[in-house]
């Protein structure tokens, strides 16, 4: 698998979000129950996506000590680390690795609040110091 294929798809990301938000190991049924209703994912689809995430090394599991048919899943990578990897892959794929070009494209296409503009100014100020 390529590096990009090792990253979660949009549907897989929803499963990761559930695990990150709950901060405890969950069964596939618990994950399915906590997914947003708008996802329309069946229990079977959730299990398929969990298997893919395990193969990608993004989830690990333990077998329930009371029932060997029940697995408890947890995220191997944190949200921020995976977000950085996914962002880098996106920039590499669509902007030839040009991070600044990607940032400009996003900034040009959206409206920023005063707070967001202030945050951006602070980031630029800090970048100038380093």
N, C-alpha and C. Protein backbone atom coordinates (compact mmCIF):
# COMPACT_ATOMS: atom_id res chain seq x y z
N UNK A 1 0.83 -1.19 0.00
CA UNK A 1 0.00 0.00 0.00
C UNK A 1 0.87 1.25 0.00
N UNK A 2 0.43 2.25 -0.77
CA UNK A 2 1.17 3.51 -0.77
C UNK A 2 0.90 4.25 0.55
N UNK A 3 1.70 5.27 0.80
CA UNK A 3 1.54 6.05 2.03
C UNK A 3 0.14 6.66 2.12
N UNK A 4 -0.36 7.14 0.99
CA UNK A 4 -1.69 7.75 0.97
C UNK A 4 -2.78 6.72 1.22
N UNK A 5 -2.59 5.50 0.73
CA UNK A 5 -3.57 4.43 0.95
C UNK A 5 -3.62 4.00 2.42
N UNK A 6 -2.59 4.35 3.18
CA UNK A 6 -2.54 4.01 4.60
C UNK A 6 -3.31 5.02 5.45
N UNK A 7 -3.76 6.10 4.84
CA UNK A 7 -4.52 7.11 5.56
C UNK A 7 -6.01 6.77 5.51
N UNK A 8 -6.78 7.21 6.50
CA UNK A 8 -8.20 6.87 6.52
C UNK A 8 -9.01 7.62 5.47
N UNK A 9 -10.00 6.92 4.91
CA UNK A 9 -10.94 7.55 3.99
C UNK A 9 -11.89 8.42 4.82
N UNK A 10 -12.79 9.11 4.16
CA UNK A 10 -13.74 9.96 4.87
C UNK A 10 -14.62 9.15 5.83
N UNK A 11 -15.10 8.00 5.38
CA UNK A 11 -15.93 7.14 6.23
C UNK A 11 -15.12 6.57 7.39
N UNK A 12 -13.90 6.17 7.12
CA UNK A 12 -13.04 5.64 8.17
C UNK A 12 -12.72 6.73 9.20
N UNK A 13 -12.59 7.96 8.73
CA UNK A 13 -12.30 9.08 9.63
C UNK A 13 -13.42 9.23 10.66
N UNK A 14 -14.67 9.01 10.25
CA UNK A 14 -15.80 9.11 11.18
C UNK A 14 -15.64 8.12 12.34
N UNK A 15 -15.18 6.93 12.03
CA UNK A 15 -14.95 5.92 13.06
C UNK A 15 -13.82 6.37 13.99
N UNK A 16 -12.76 6.91 13.41
CA UNK A 16 -11.66 7.42 14.22
C UNK A 16 -12.15 8.53 15.16
N UNK A 17 -13.00 9.41 14.65
CA UNK A 17 -13.54 10.51 15.46
C UNK A 17 -14.27 9.98 16.68
N UNK A 18 -15.08 8.93 16.50
CA UNK A 18 -15.81 8.34 17.62
C UNK A 18 -14.83 7.84 18.68
N UNK A 19 -13.79 7.15 18.25
CA UNK A 19 -12.81 6.61 19.20
C UNK A 19 -12.02 7.73 19.88
N UNK A 20 -11.65 8.75 19.14
CA UNK A 20 -10.93 9.88 19.75
C UNK A 20 -11.81 10.60 20.76
N UNK A 21 -13.08 10.80 20.40
CA UNK A 21 -13.98 11.54 21.29
C UNK A 21 -14.28 10.78 22.58
N UNK A 22 -14.46 9.47 22.47
CA UNK A 22 -14.81 8.68 23.66
C UNK A 22 -13.60 8.37 24.55
N UNK A 23 -12.43 8.33 23.97
CA UNK A 23 -11.18 8.10 24.72
C UNK A 23 -11.14 6.77 25.47
N UNK A 24 -12.01 5.84 25.10
CA UNK A 24 -12.00 4.49 25.68
C UNK A 24 -12.14 3.48 24.54
N UNK A 25 -11.73 2.25 24.81
CA UNK A 25 -11.89 1.19 23.82
C UNK A 25 -13.38 0.91 23.62
N UNK A 26 -13.78 0.71 22.37
CA UNK A 26 -15.19 0.48 22.06
C UNK A 26 -15.35 -0.75 21.17
N UNK A 27 -16.48 -1.41 21.28
CA UNK A 27 -16.81 -2.51 20.37
C UNK A 27 -17.35 -1.92 19.07
N UNK A 28 -17.45 -2.74 18.04
CA UNK A 28 -17.99 -2.26 16.76
C UNK A 28 -19.43 -1.78 16.93
N UNK A 29 -20.21 -2.46 17.78
CA UNK A 29 -21.60 -2.04 18.02
C UNK A 29 -21.64 -0.67 18.71
N UNK A 30 -20.75 -0.45 19.66
CA UNK A 30 -20.70 0.84 20.36
C UNK A 30 -20.28 1.95 19.39
N UNK A 31 -19.34 1.65 18.52
CA UNK A 31 -18.91 2.63 17.52
C UNK A 31 -20.09 2.97 16.62
N UNK A 32 -20.78 1.96 16.12
CA UNK A 32 -21.92 2.18 15.22
C UNK A 32 -22.99 3.03 15.91
N UNK A 33 -23.24 2.79 17.19
CA UNK A 33 -24.25 3.56 17.93
C UNK A 33 -23.87 5.02 18.10
N UNK A 34 -22.56 5.30 18.14
CA UNK A 34 -22.10 6.67 18.39
C UNK A 34 -21.86 7.47 17.11
N UNK A 35 -21.93 6.82 15.96
CA UNK A 35 -21.74 7.54 14.70
C UNK A 35 -22.90 8.50 14.48
N UNK A 36 -22.64 9.63 13.81
CA UNK A 36 -23.74 10.55 13.49
C UNK A 36 -24.79 9.82 12.64
N UNK A 37 -26.05 10.07 12.94
CA UNK A 37 -27.13 9.40 12.19
C UNK A 37 -27.05 9.71 10.70
N UNK A 38 -26.50 10.86 10.37
CA UNK A 38 -26.39 11.26 8.96
C UNK A 38 -25.43 10.37 8.18
N UNK A 39 -24.59 9.62 8.88
CA UNK A 39 -23.63 8.75 8.18
C UNK A 39 -24.32 7.57 7.50
N UNK A 40 -25.49 7.17 8.01
CA UNK A 40 -26.26 6.04 7.44
C UNK A 40 -25.44 4.77 7.31
N UNK A 41 -24.50 4.54 8.20
CA UNK A 41 -23.67 3.34 8.14
C UNK A 41 -24.34 2.19 8.87
N UNK A 42 -24.35 1.05 8.22
CA UNK A 42 -24.89 -0.15 8.85
C UNK A 42 -23.82 -0.75 9.76
N UNK A 43 -24.25 -1.63 10.64
CA UNK A 43 -23.33 -2.33 11.53
C UNK A 43 -22.29 -3.10 10.70
N UNK A 44 -22.73 -3.71 9.62
CA UNK A 44 -21.82 -4.47 8.75
C UNK A 44 -20.77 -3.56 8.13
N UNK A 45 -21.19 -2.39 7.65
CA UNK A 45 -20.25 -1.44 7.05
C UNK A 45 -19.23 -0.95 8.08
N UNK A 46 -19.69 -0.73 9.29
CA UNK A 46 -18.79 -0.30 10.35
C UNK A 46 -17.71 -1.36 10.57
N UNK A 47 -18.11 -2.63 10.60
CA UNK A 47 -17.13 -3.71 10.80
C UNK A 47 -16.13 -3.79 9.65
N UNK A 48 -16.61 -3.57 8.42
CA UNK A 48 -15.71 -3.57 7.25
C UNK A 48 -14.69 -2.44 7.38
N UNK A 49 -15.16 -1.26 7.75
CA UNK A 49 -14.26 -0.11 7.89
C UNK A 49 -13.28 -0.30 9.04
N UNK A 50 -13.74 -0.89 10.13
CA UNK A 50 -12.86 -1.18 11.26
C UNK A 50 -11.75 -2.13 10.82
N UNK A 51 -12.11 -3.16 10.06
CA UNK A 51 -11.09 -4.11 9.55
C UNK A 51 -10.06 -3.39 8.69
N UNK A 52 -10.52 -2.49 7.84
CA UNK A 52 -9.58 -1.72 7.00
C UNK A 52 -8.65 -0.87 7.85
N UNK A 53 -9.22 -0.22 8.87
CA UNK A 53 -8.40 0.62 9.75
C UNK A 53 -7.37 -0.21 10.51
N UNK A 54 -7.75 -1.42 10.90
CA UNK A 54 -6.79 -2.32 11.57
C UNK A 54 -5.67 -2.70 10.60
N UNK A 55 -6.01 -3.01 9.35
CA UNK A 55 -5.00 -3.37 8.35
C UNK A 55 -4.05 -2.20 8.06
N UNK A 56 -4.58 -0.99 8.16
CA UNK A 56 -3.76 0.20 7.93
C UNK A 56 -2.90 0.54 9.16
N UNK A 57 -3.13 -0.18 10.24
CA UNK A 57 -2.37 0.08 11.45
C UNK A 57 -2.86 1.28 12.24
N UNK A 58 -4.08 1.72 11.97
CA UNK A 58 -4.62 2.89 12.65
C UNK A 58 -5.47 2.53 13.87
N UNK A 59 -5.91 1.28 13.95
CA UNK A 59 -6.65 0.78 15.10
C UNK A 59 -5.97 -0.47 15.62
N UNK A 60 -6.09 -0.68 16.91
CA UNK A 60 -5.68 -1.95 17.50
C UNK A 60 -6.88 -2.47 18.27
N UNK A 61 -6.80 -3.72 18.70
CA UNK A 61 -7.93 -4.28 19.43
C UNK A 61 -7.46 -5.27 20.48
N UNK A 62 -8.34 -5.49 21.43
CA UNK A 62 -8.15 -6.54 22.42
C UNK A 62 -9.42 -7.39 22.40
N UNK A 63 -9.26 -8.64 22.73
CA UNK A 63 -10.39 -9.56 22.78
C UNK A 63 -10.99 -9.49 24.18
N UNK A 64 -12.30 -9.41 24.25
CA UNK A 64 -13.00 -9.35 25.53
C UNK A 64 -12.70 -10.61 26.34
N UNK A 65 -12.27 -10.46 27.59
CA UNK A 65 -11.92 -11.64 28.39
C UNK A 65 -13.13 -12.54 28.70
N UNK A 66 -14.35 -11.98 28.63
CA UNK A 66 -15.54 -12.75 28.94
C UNK A 66 -16.22 -13.35 27.71
N UNK A 67 -15.87 -12.84 26.52
CA UNK A 67 -16.50 -13.33 25.29
C UNK A 67 -15.52 -13.16 24.14
N UNK A 68 -14.94 -14.24 23.68
CA UNK A 68 -13.89 -14.17 22.66
C UNK A 68 -14.41 -13.70 21.30
N UNK A 69 -15.73 -13.54 21.16
CA UNK A 69 -16.30 -13.03 19.90
C UNK A 69 -16.36 -11.50 19.88
N UNK A 70 -16.09 -10.87 21.01
CA UNK A 70 -16.20 -9.42 21.13
C UNK A 70 -14.81 -8.79 21.16
N UNK A 71 -14.61 -7.82 20.27
CA UNK A 71 -13.33 -7.10 20.21
C UNK A 71 -13.56 -5.67 20.67
N UNK A 72 -12.55 -5.12 21.35
CA UNK A 72 -12.57 -3.73 21.80
C UNK A 72 -11.49 -2.98 21.03
N UNK A 73 -11.88 -1.92 20.33
CA UNK A 73 -10.97 -1.19 19.44
C UNK A 73 -10.53 0.13 20.05
N UNK A 74 -9.30 0.51 19.70
CA UNK A 74 -8.81 1.84 20.10
C UNK A 74 -7.94 2.40 18.98
N UNK A 75 -7.89 3.73 18.93
CA UNK A 75 -7.09 4.41 17.93
C UNK A 75 -5.61 4.29 18.29
N UNK A 76 -4.78 3.99 17.31
CA UNK A 76 -3.34 3.88 17.52
C UNK A 76 -2.69 5.26 17.38
N UNK A 77 -3.21 6.06 16.46
CA UNK A 77 -2.67 7.40 16.24
C UNK A 77 -3.66 8.45 16.73
N UNK A 78 -3.11 9.54 17.21
CA UNK A 78 -3.94 10.65 17.68
C UNK A 78 -4.50 11.46 16.53
N UNK A 79 -5.53 12.22 16.83
CA UNK A 79 -6.21 13.05 15.84
C UNK A 79 -5.26 14.05 15.18
N UNK A 80 -4.46 14.76 15.98
CA UNK A 80 -3.57 15.78 15.43
C UNK A 80 -2.50 15.20 14.52
N UNK A 81 -1.91 14.08 14.95
CA UNK A 81 -0.87 13.45 14.13
C UNK A 81 -1.45 12.98 12.80
N UNK A 82 -2.62 12.37 12.84
CA UNK A 82 -3.23 11.87 11.62
C UNK A 82 -3.71 13.01 10.73
N UNK A 83 -4.18 14.08 11.35
CA UNK A 83 -4.60 15.25 10.58
C UNK A 83 -3.41 15.85 9.83
N UNK A 84 -2.25 15.91 10.50
CA UNK A 84 -1.04 16.43 9.84
C UNK A 84 -0.64 15.54 8.65
N UNK A 85 -0.68 14.23 8.85
CA UNK A 85 -0.34 13.31 7.76
C UNK A 85 -1.29 13.46 6.59
N UNK A 86 -2.58 13.55 6.90
CA UNK A 86 -3.60 13.67 5.85
C UNK A 86 -3.45 15.01 5.11
N UNK A 87 -3.17 16.06 5.86
CA UNK A 87 -2.98 17.38 5.25
C UNK A 87 -1.76 17.39 4.34
N UNK A 88 -0.67 16.78 4.80
CA UNK A 88 0.54 16.72 3.99
C UNK A 88 0.29 15.95 2.70
N UNK A 89 -0.41 14.82 2.80
CA UNK A 89 -0.72 14.03 1.60
C UNK A 89 -1.58 14.83 0.64
N UNK A 90 -2.54 15.60 1.17
CA UNK A 90 -3.40 16.43 0.33
C UNK A 90 -2.57 17.51 -0.39
N UNK A 91 -1.72 18.17 0.36
CA UNK A 91 -0.87 19.23 -0.23
C UNK A 91 0.06 18.63 -1.27
N UNK A 92 0.63 17.48 -0.98
CA UNK A 92 1.52 16.82 -1.95
C UNK A 92 0.77 16.44 -3.22
N UNK A 93 -0.44 15.91 -3.07
CA UNK A 93 -1.22 15.43 -4.23
C UNK A 93 -1.77 16.56 -5.09
N UNK A 94 -2.30 17.59 -4.44
CA UNK A 94 -3.02 18.62 -5.20
C UNK A 94 -2.27 19.92 -5.39
N UNK A 95 -1.19 20.12 -4.64
CA UNK A 95 -0.45 21.38 -4.74
C UNK A 95 1.04 21.14 -4.94
N UNK A 96 1.41 19.93 -5.37
CA UNK A 96 2.81 19.62 -5.62
C UNK A 96 3.71 19.86 -4.43
N UNK A 97 3.17 19.71 -3.23
CA UNK A 97 3.96 19.91 -2.02
C UNK A 97 4.08 21.36 -1.59
N UNK A 98 3.45 22.28 -2.32
CA UNK A 98 3.54 23.70 -2.01
C UNK A 98 2.53 24.06 -0.93
N UNK A 99 2.98 24.05 0.32
CA UNK A 99 2.12 24.32 1.46
C UNK A 99 1.55 25.73 1.40
N UNK A 100 2.37 26.69 1.03
CA UNK A 100 1.91 28.07 0.95
C UNK A 100 0.84 28.22 -0.13
N UNK A 101 1.02 27.56 -1.26
CA UNK A 101 0.02 27.60 -2.32
C UNK A 101 -1.31 27.03 -1.85
N UNK A 102 -1.25 25.95 -1.08
CA UNK A 102 -2.47 25.35 -0.53
C UNK A 102 -3.14 26.32 0.44
N UNK A 103 -2.34 26.93 1.31
CA UNK A 103 -2.90 27.87 2.28
C UNK A 103 -3.57 29.04 1.56
N UNK A 104 -2.91 29.58 0.54
CA UNK A 104 -3.50 30.69 -0.22
C UNK A 104 -4.81 30.28 -0.87
N UNK A 105 -4.85 29.08 -1.44
CA UNK A 105 -6.07 28.59 -2.09
C UNK A 105 -7.23 28.54 -1.09
N UNK A 106 -6.97 28.06 0.11
CA UNK A 106 -8.02 27.99 1.12
C UNK A 106 -8.43 29.38 1.60
N UNK A 107 -7.45 30.25 1.79
CA UNK A 107 -7.75 31.59 2.27
C UNK A 107 -8.54 32.39 1.25
N UNK A 108 -8.22 32.22 -0.03
CA UNK A 108 -8.92 32.95 -1.08
C UNK A 108 -10.36 32.48 -1.25
N UNK A 109 -10.62 31.22 -0.91
CA UNK A 109 -11.95 30.67 -1.18
C UNK A 109 -12.93 30.82 -0.02
N UNK A 110 -12.48 31.30 1.11
CA UNK A 110 -13.37 31.39 2.26
C UNK A 110 -13.32 32.74 2.93
N UNK A 111 -14.35 33.00 3.74
CA UNK A 111 -14.39 34.23 4.51
C UNK A 111 -13.85 33.94 5.90
N UNK A 112 -13.02 34.83 6.39
CA UNK A 112 -12.43 34.67 7.71
C UNK A 112 -13.06 35.65 8.69
N UNK A 113 -13.27 35.18 9.90
CA UNK A 113 -13.77 36.07 10.96
C UNK A 113 -12.60 36.92 11.46
N UNK A 114 -12.93 37.93 12.22
CA UNK A 114 -11.88 38.79 12.79
C UNK A 114 -10.95 37.97 13.69
N UNK A 115 -11.53 37.02 14.43
CA UNK A 115 -10.72 36.17 15.31
C UNK A 115 -9.76 35.30 14.50
N UNK A 116 -10.25 34.77 13.38
CA UNK A 116 -9.40 33.93 12.53
C UNK A 116 -8.29 34.75 11.89
N UNK A 117 -8.60 35.96 11.49
CA UNK A 117 -7.57 36.85 10.92
C UNK A 117 -6.51 37.15 11.98
N UNK A 118 -6.94 37.39 13.22
CA UNK A 118 -6.00 37.65 14.31
C UNK A 118 -5.11 36.43 14.54
N UNK A 119 -5.71 35.22 14.52
CA UNK A 119 -4.92 33.99 14.68
C UNK A 119 -3.87 33.87 13.58
N UNK A 120 -4.27 34.18 12.35
CA UNK A 120 -3.36 34.10 11.22
C UNK A 120 -2.23 35.11 11.37
N UNK A 121 -2.56 36.31 11.81
CA UNK A 121 -1.53 37.33 12.04
C UNK A 121 -0.55 36.87 13.11
N UNK A 122 -1.06 36.22 14.17
CA UNK A 122 -0.19 35.71 15.24
C UNK A 122 0.74 34.62 14.71
N UNK A 123 0.21 33.75 13.88
CA UNK A 123 1.03 32.69 13.28
C UNK A 123 2.15 33.29 12.44
N UNK A 124 1.82 34.30 11.66
CA UNK A 124 2.82 34.96 10.81
C UNK A 124 3.87 35.66 11.68
N UNK A 125 3.42 36.33 12.75
CA UNK A 125 4.34 36.98 13.67
C UNK A 125 5.32 35.99 14.27
N UNK A 126 4.80 34.84 14.72
CA UNK A 126 5.66 33.81 15.31
C UNK A 126 6.62 33.23 14.28
N UNK A 127 6.15 33.08 13.04
CA UNK A 127 7.01 32.55 11.99
C UNK A 127 8.17 33.50 11.70
N UNK A 128 7.90 34.79 11.77
CA UNK A 128 8.96 35.79 11.54
C UNK A 128 10.03 35.73 12.62
N UNK A 129 9.64 35.40 13.86
CA UNK A 129 10.58 35.32 14.97
C UNK A 129 11.53 34.14 14.78
N UNK A 130 11.03 33.07 14.19
CA UNK A 130 11.85 31.86 14.02
C UNK A 130 12.51 31.89 12.68
